Amino acid sequence: MNSPTKLITPENAIHKPSPLAFLLDLVIYISIMFLVREIYFSQFNFITNGLFWSFVMLLTATILMRLRNVSWKEIGLFKPSNVKKSLLATIFIFAFTIISILIFQTLKDQLGLQLSPDMSNETAVSKFGDLSGNWKLFFTIMPFIWLQSALEEILDRGFLINWIEKALSSTWFATIFAVLAQALIFGFRHSYDISERSITVAIIGLAMGIGYVAFGRNLWPLIFVHCLLNTMSMLDRV
């Protein structure tokens, strides 16, 4: 006697979103990314506003991921299976990022590129307050800087790279394009121009993106490196 044929019902059917669905998600996500930054609560400082923007994007990404049945674990927030390997990845990504920045600085000087000057020191005072000799302020704001660093890696590397890939059918070309595109968005979003700062930030995003793909798409090494880079940047202002 033949066994009964199992009917495919909406409950047991596996629905795989199309690349067009992920492309629509990207349009929504990137639009919100830039629109939300038009909201600035003047009664609060820059760090508070920055975290507000990031948490709005975290909520947006989470909603889109739920719609597509993708978890944060799948895109990199998982417990490392090999701590030693993760540590080596962290060291490599940090070194690769620093070397990439130094190469850019050398080429910029040798080629005589005319870029908008880096106003990061003046901007930092307006954003974070005068950190010169102020260790109390430094230790007060650093936990929020680290939180922001983690959110940027989760969203810019974890979410954006994966969604761009899926929108382009997850080919090798899609991966290359995704790493480049997220770096450009990351750099531009930090200064809204083509300046030394935006290019430097884009290079950091590119190095992080390469590290993300090269080391098993584990976000933790990237988060640690980003926190370390921002700590060094803030220490330079104390």
Protein backbone atom coordinates (compact mmCIF):
# COMPACT_ATOMS: atom_id res chain seq x y z
CA MET A 1 0.00 0.00 0.00
CA ASN A 2 1.44 3.34 -1.02
CA SER A 3 2.00 5.89 1.71
CA PRO A 4 -0.16 8.99 1.44
CA THR A 5 1.39 11.94 -0.31
CA LYS A 6 2.23 14.77 2.05
CA LEU A 7 0.49 17.93 0.95
CA ILE A 8 2.46 21.16 0.90
CA THR A 9 0.52 23.69 2.94
CA PRO A 10 1.29 27.32 3.86
CA GLU A 11 2.33 26.04 7.29
CA ASN A 12 5.07 23.69 6.06
CA ALA A 13 6.09 25.47 2.87
CA ILE A 14 9.43 27.29 3.01
CA HIS A 15 9.14 30.78 1.60
CA LYS A 16 12.42 32.21 0.38
CA PRO A 17 12.29 35.97 -0.17
CA SER A 18 13.31 37.13 -3.64
CA PRO A 19 16.27 39.46 -4.29
CA LEU A 20 13.70 42.14 -5.13
CA ALA A 21 12.33 41.89 -1.59
CA PHE A 22 15.78 42.51 -0.13
CA LEU A 23 16.32 45.39 -2.55
CA LEU A 24 13.08 46.98 -1.32
CA ASP A 25 14.31 46.49 2.25
CA LEU A 26 17.52 48.30 1.37
CA VAL A 27 15.67 51.26 -0.12
CA ILE A 28 13.60 51.54 3.05
CA TYR A 29 16.58 51.06 5.36
CA ILE A 30 18.93 53.53 3.64
CA SER A 31 16.15 56.12 3.31
CA ILE A 32 15.43 55.91 7.04
CA MET A 33 19.19 55.98 7.77
CA PHE A 34 19.58 59.42 6.23
CA LEU A 35 16.14 60.81 7.14
CA VAL A 36 16.47 60.02 10.84
CA ARG A 37 19.68 62.04 10.99
CA GLU A 38 17.64 65.10 10.11
CA ILE A 39 16.11 64.76 13.57
CA TYR A 40 18.28 66.42 16.19
CA PHE A 41 17.17 67.08 19.75
CA SER A 42 19.02 70.27 20.64
CA GLN A 43 18.33 69.80 24.35
CA PHE A 44 20.50 66.67 24.29
CA ASN A 45 24.17 66.24 23.38
CA PHE A 46 25.58 64.65 20.23
CA ILE A 47 26.18 61.26 21.85
CA THR A 48 22.53 60.99 22.88
CA ASN A 49 21.35 61.96 19.40
CA GLY A 50 23.82 59.52 17.81
CA LEU A 51 22.55 56.66 19.95
CA PHE A 52 18.97 57.64 19.10
CA TRP A 53 19.79 57.37 15.38
CA SER A 54 21.50 54.02 15.86
CA PHE A 55 18.67 52.51 17.92
CA VAL A 56 16.14 53.64 15.32
CA MET A 57 18.21 51.82 12.70
CA LEU A 58 18.57 48.79 14.97
CA LEU A 59 14.78 48.64 15.30
CA THR A 60 14.36 49.07 11.53
CA ALA A 61 16.87 46.30 10.79
CA THR A 62 15.27 43.99 13.36
CA ILE A 63 11.82 44.44 11.80
CA LEU A 64 13.16 43.76 8.30
CA MET A 65 15.04 40.70 9.53
CA ARG A 66 11.91 39.30 11.16
CA LEU A 67 10.03 39.76 7.91
CA ARG A 68 12.74 37.76 6.08
CA ASN A 69 13.22 35.15 8.85
CA VAL A 70 16.86 36.10 9.45
CA SER A 71 18.32 36.20 12.97
CA TRP A 72 21.15 38.32 14.36
CA LYS A 73 23.02 35.11 15.06
CA GLU A 74 22.97 34.27 11.36
CA ILE A 75 24.69 37.52 10.42
CA GLY A 76 27.43 37.41 13.04
CA LEU A 77 26.28 37.75 16.65
CA PHE A 78 27.16 34.20 17.62
CA LYS A 79 29.45 32.77 20.28
CA PRO A 80 32.91 32.18 18.73
CA SER A 81 33.73 28.47 18.49
CA ASN A 82 37.45 29.16 18.74
CA VAL A 83 38.59 31.97 21.05
CA LYS A 84 42.19 31.85 19.82
CA LYS A 85 41.07 32.20 16.20
CA SER A 86 38.81 35.11 17.12
CA LEU A 87 41.69 36.82 18.94
CA LEU A 88 43.97 36.40 15.93
CA ALA A 89 41.21 37.79 13.70
CA THR A 90 40.90 40.81 15.98
CA ILE A 91 44.65 41.47 15.85
CA PHE A 92 44.77 41.06 12.07
CA ILE A 93 41.78 43.34 11.43
CA PHE A 94 43.21 46.01 13.75
CA ALA A 95 46.62 45.88 12.04
CA PHE A 96 45.07 45.80 8.57
CA THR A 97 42.93 48.85 9.38
CA ILE A 98 45.85 50.89 10.74
CA ILE A 99 48.07 49.96 7.76
CA SER A 100 45.28 50.88 5.32
CA ILE A 101 44.91 54.31 6.92
CA LEU A 102 48.67 54.89 6.85
CA ILE A 103 48.84 53.91 3.16
CA PHE A 104 46.07 56.41 2.38
CA GLN A 105 47.85 59.16 4.30
CA THR A 106 51.12 58.43 2.45
CA LEU A 107 49.47 58.38 -0.97
CA LYS A 108 47.51 61.52 -0.19
CA ASP A 109 50.69 63.42 0.63
CA GLN A 110 52.69 62.03 -2.31
CA LEU A 111 49.95 62.67 -4.85
CA GLY A 112 49.13 66.09 -3.41
CA LEU A 113 45.42 65.37 -3.24
CA GLN A 114 43.38 68.47 -2.46
CA LEU A 115 40.80 67.36 0.08
CA SER A 116 38.72 69.24 2.59
CA PRO A 117 40.77 69.52 5.80
CA ASP A 118 40.10 67.15 8.69
CA MET A 119 38.25 69.21 11.29
CA SER A 120 37.82 66.28 13.66
CA ASN A 121 39.55 67.98 16.61
CA GLU A 122 37.30 71.04 16.48
CA THR A 123 34.27 68.83 15.80
CA ALA A 124 35.10 66.58 18.75
CA VAL A 125 34.99 69.53 21.15
CA SER A 126 31.56 70.53 19.91
CA LYS A 127 30.32 66.94 20.05
CA PHE A 128 31.86 65.60 23.25
CA GLY A 129 33.10 68.64 25.15
CA ASP A 130 36.68 69.66 25.86
CA LEU A 131 38.50 66.43 26.72
CA SER A 132 41.89 68.05 27.20
CA GLY A 133 43.07 66.83 30.63
CA ASN A 134 39.49 65.92 31.56
CA TRP A 135 39.70 62.23 32.53
CA LYS A 136 36.36 62.34 34.34
CA LEU A 137 34.59 63.32 31.12
CA PHE A 138 36.58 60.70 29.20
CA PHE A 139 35.52 57.82 31.45
CA THR A 140 31.94 59.12 31.54
CA ILE A 141 31.41 59.11 27.79
CA MET A 142 33.49 56.07 26.77
CA PRO A 143 30.82 53.42 27.58
CA PHE A 144 28.45 55.25 25.22
CA ILE A 145 31.18 55.49 22.56
CA TRP A 146 31.74 51.74 22.83
CA LEU A 147 28.01 51.08 22.56
CA GLN A 148 27.84 53.23 19.44
CA SER A 149 30.87 51.40 18.01
CA ALA A 150 29.16 48.04 18.52
CA LEU A 151 25.94 49.24 16.92
CA GLU A 152 27.79 50.54 13.86
CA GLU A 153 29.46 47.16 13.30
CA ILE A 154 26.21 45.26 13.80
CA LEU A 155 24.35 47.50 11.36
CA ASP A 156 26.95 48.61 8.80
CA ARG A 157 28.81 45.34 8.49
CA GLY A 158 26.34 42.75 9.75
CA PHE A 159 23.06 44.01 8.29
CA LEU A 160 24.11 46.06 5.26
CA ILE A 161 26.62 43.61 3.77
CA ASN A 162 24.22 40.68 4.07
CA TRP A 163 21.23 42.58 2.67
CA ILE A 164 23.16 43.98 -0.29
CA GLU A 165 24.42 40.46 -1.05
CA LYS A 166 20.91 39.01 -0.90
CA ALA A 167 19.58 41.80 -3.12
CA LEU A 168 22.19 40.76 -5.72
CA SER A 169 21.47 37.03 -5.43
CA SER A 170 24.44 36.27 -3.14
CA THR A 171 27.10 35.83 -5.84
CA TRP A 172 30.83 36.50 -5.42
CA PHE A 173 30.29 39.80 -7.23
CA ALA A 174 27.54 40.64 -4.74
CA THR A 175 29.95 40.15 -1.84
CA ILE A 176 32.60 42.43 -3.38
CA PHE A 177 30.00 45.07 -4.21
CA ALA A 178 28.46 44.81 -0.73
CA VAL A 179 31.80 45.35 1.02
CA LEU A 180 32.59 48.36 -1.18
CA ALA A 181 29.09 49.88 -0.99
CA GLN A 182 28.77 49.70 2.78
CA ALA A 183 32.21 51.31 3.15
CA LEU A 184 31.20 54.22 0.90
CA ILE A 185 27.92 54.68 2.79
CA PHE A 186 29.77 54.46 6.10
CA GLY A 187 32.28 57.11 5.07
CA PHE A 188 29.80 59.51 3.50
CA ARG A 189 27.42 59.26 6.44
CA HIS A 190 30.06 60.56 8.82
CA SER A 191 30.62 63.90 7.10
CA TYR A 192 28.31 64.19 4.04
CA ASP A 193 31.19 65.25 1.78
CA ILE A 194 34.35 64.02 0.08
CA SER A 195 36.95 64.99 2.64
CA GLU A 196 39.95 63.46 4.36
CA ARG A 197 37.68 62.41 7.21
CA SER A 198 35.03 60.74 5.02
CA ILE A 199 37.68 58.84 3.03
CA THR A 200 39.47 57.72 6.20
CA VAL A 201 36.20 56.48 7.69
CA ALA A 202 35.36 54.72 4.41
CA ILE A 203 38.76 52.99 4.51
CA ILE A 204 38.01 51.83 8.04
CA GLY A 205 34.65 50.51 6.83
CA LEU A 206 36.35 48.75 3.92
CA ALA A 207 38.95 47.11 6.17
CA MET A 208 36.22 46.02 8.59
CA GLY A 209 34.10 44.67 5.74
CA ILE A 210 37.00 42.64 4.36
CA GLY A 211 37.72 41.33 7.84
CA TYR A 212 34.07 40.39 8.31
CA VAL A 213 33.99 38.30 5.14
CA ALA A 214 37.49 36.86 5.58
CA PHE A 215 37.04 35.64 9.16
CA GLY A 216 33.78 33.74 9.09
CA ARG A 217 31.39 36.69 9.42
CA ASN A 218 31.89 36.91 13.17
CA LEU A 219 31.03 40.43 14.34
CA TRP A 220 32.81 40.27 17.71
CA PRO A 221 36.37 40.88 16.40
CA LEU A 222 35.05 43.88 14.45
CA ILE A 223 33.29 45.25 17.53
CA PHE A 224 36.44 44.96 19.64
CA VAL A 225 38.58 46.61 16.94
CA HIS A 226 36.09 49.45 16.46
CA CYS A 227 35.95 50.06 20.22
CA LEU A 228 39.77 50.08 20.36
CA LEU A 229 40.08 52.52 17.45
CA ASN A 230 37.57 54.91 19.00
CA THR A 231 39.27 54.62 22.38
CA MET A 232 42.60 55.57 20.79
CA SER A 233 40.95 58.47 18.98
CA MET A 234 39.41 59.80 22.19
CA LEU A 235 42.63 59.29 24.20
CA ASP A 236 44.41 61.45 21.65
CA ARG A 237 42.15 64.32 22.68
CA VAL A 238 42.66 64.04 26.43
